[in-house]
Protein backbone atom coordinates (compact mmCIF):
# COMPACT_ATOMS: atom_id res chain seq x y z
CA MET A 1 5.34 -21.67 6.02
CA SER A 2 5.51 -19.36 8.98
CA ALA A 3 2.41 -19.17 11.18
CA VAL A 4 1.76 -16.98 14.15
CA PRO A 5 1.84 -19.20 17.27
CA LYS A 6 -1.54 -19.95 18.83
CA GLY A 7 -2.45 -17.45 21.52
CA GLN A 8 -0.34 -14.65 20.02
CA SER A 9 -1.73 -11.87 17.87
CA ALA A 10 -0.15 -11.00 14.56
CA ASP A 11 1.20 -7.50 14.61
CA LYS A 12 2.14 -7.00 10.97
CA LEU A 13 -0.46 -5.19 8.85
CA SER A 14 -0.90 -5.49 5.09
CA VAL A 15 -2.72 -2.81 3.12
CA VAL A 16 -4.06 -3.24 -0.41
CA TYR A 17 -5.02 -0.02 -2.17
CA ALA A 18 -6.70 -0.51 -5.55
CA VAL A 19 -6.96 2.57 -7.75
CA ARG A 20 -8.58 3.04 -11.12
CA VAL A 21 -6.46 5.62 -12.93
CA ILE A 22 -8.23 8.09 -15.22
CA GLU A 23 -7.86 7.46 -18.93
CA GLY A 24 -4.54 8.92 -20.08
CA GLY A 25 -3.48 9.65 -16.51
CA GLU A 26 -0.85 6.95 -16.08
CA GLN A 27 2.18 9.25 -16.21
CA GLY A 28 0.70 11.73 -13.74
CA PHE A 29 -0.27 8.86 -11.44
CA LEU A 30 3.24 7.35 -11.64
CA ALA A 31 4.86 10.70 -10.90
CA MET A 32 2.66 11.18 -7.83
CA TYR A 33 3.25 7.60 -6.67
CA GLU A 34 7.01 8.17 -6.91
CA ARG A 35 6.71 11.20 -4.64
CA ILE A 36 4.53 9.34 -2.14
CA ARG A 37 6.76 6.25 -2.23
CA LYS A 38 9.86 8.19 -1.28
CA SER A 39 8.08 9.90 1.60
CA VAL A 40 6.41 6.79 3.04
CA SER A 41 9.70 4.86 2.99
CA ARG A 42 10.85 7.10 5.86
CA VAL A 43 7.75 6.59 8.02
CA PRO A 44 8.36 4.64 11.25
CA GLY A 45 6.95 1.10 11.00
CA HIS A 46 6.81 1.00 7.20
CA ILE A 47 8.29 -2.25 5.83
CA ILE A 48 7.66 -2.33 2.07
CA ASP A 49 5.52 -0.85 -0.69
CA ARG A 50 4.76 -2.46 -4.05
CA LEU A 51 3.08 -1.01 -7.13
CA GLY A 52 1.24 -3.36 -9.47
CA GLU A 53 0.53 -2.31 -13.05
CA PRO A 54 -2.50 -3.79 -14.84
CA ILE A 55 -1.73 -6.38 -17.52
CA ASP A 56 -4.96 -5.62 -19.35
CA ASP A 57 -6.75 -2.41 -20.34
CA SER A 58 -8.55 -2.03 -17.00
CA ARG A 59 -6.51 0.94 -15.68
CA GLN A 60 -6.81 -0.84 -12.28
CA TRP A 61 -3.50 -0.38 -10.44
CA VAL A 62 -2.70 -1.90 -7.04
CA ILE A 63 -0.50 -0.51 -4.29
CA THR A 64 0.34 -2.93 -1.48
CA SER A 65 2.23 -2.08 1.67
CA GLU A 66 3.29 -3.81 4.83
CA TRP A 67 3.63 -2.24 8.26
CA GLU A 68 5.18 -3.48 11.50
CA THR A 69 1.88 -2.88 13.34
CA PRO A 70 -1.55 -1.45 12.56
CA GLU A 71 -0.74 1.42 14.92
CA HIS A 72 2.18 2.50 12.72
CA PHE A 73 -0.02 2.59 9.63
CA PHE A 74 -2.94 4.39 11.27
CA ALA A 75 -0.66 6.98 12.89
CA TRP A 76 0.69 7.79 9.42
CA GLN A 77 -2.67 7.60 7.63
CA GLN A 78 -4.46 9.86 10.09
CA GLY A 79 -1.72 12.48 10.18
CA GLU A 80 -1.91 15.83 8.42
CA ASP A 81 1.26 15.02 6.45
CA HIS A 82 -0.47 12.01 4.88
CA ARG A 83 -3.49 14.01 3.75
CA GLU A 84 -1.30 16.68 2.16
CA LEU A 85 0.92 14.08 0.50
CA VAL A 86 -1.85 12.03 -1.13
CA ALA A 87 -4.28 14.85 -2.02
CA PRO A 88 -2.69 15.53 -5.45
CA LEU A 89 -3.01 11.82 -6.33
CA ARG A 90 -6.79 12.19 -6.49
CA GLU A 91 -6.40 14.24 -9.69
CA TRP A 92 -5.28 11.05 -11.50
CA VAL A 93 -7.69 8.53 -9.95
CA GLU A 94 -11.37 7.77 -10.72
CA GLU A 95 -12.08 5.38 -7.85
CA THR A 96 -10.30 3.67 -4.98
CA GLN A 97 -10.71 0.76 -2.62
CA SER A 98 -8.63 0.10 0.48
CA LEU A 99 -8.34 -3.23 2.29
CA ARG A 100 -6.41 -3.75 5.53
CA TYR A 101 -5.66 -7.06 7.18
CA ARG A 102 -3.40 -8.68 9.77
CA VAL A 103 -0.89 -11.17 8.48
CA ILE A 104 -1.52 -14.49 10.23
CA GLN A 105 0.45 -16.79 7.92
CA GLU A 106 3.19 -16.39 5.34
CA THR A 107 4.46 -18.89 2.83
CA VAL A 108 7.89 -18.29 1.35
CA GLY A 109 8.85 -20.00 -1.89
CA VAL A 110 11.81 -22.35 -2.01
CA LYS A 111 14.60 -21.07 -4.22
CA ALA A 112 16.20 -23.65 -6.48
């Protein structure tokens, strides 16, 4: 387990974006995510993005991303490029929820 030393602030930011895709909109959503994914991979400070598909019939997808610092994420999120990039995604989504948090501990599994 890796913990941030006492007295130091964690810089890395994790973002969880939950989206409920409209009924029958999975292919449109996936096509838009692919476009967004390619663009965000070139943004300074972006570390990784993950897309989680529901294993039930909930249509609740999850996008998680990690950023070097909160400032990197907010600079991208508040930019005009971001708004233009994600606007078409709204056509395929009924509702969204966004959570942002600093990473203060990480546990890495042991590989056999």
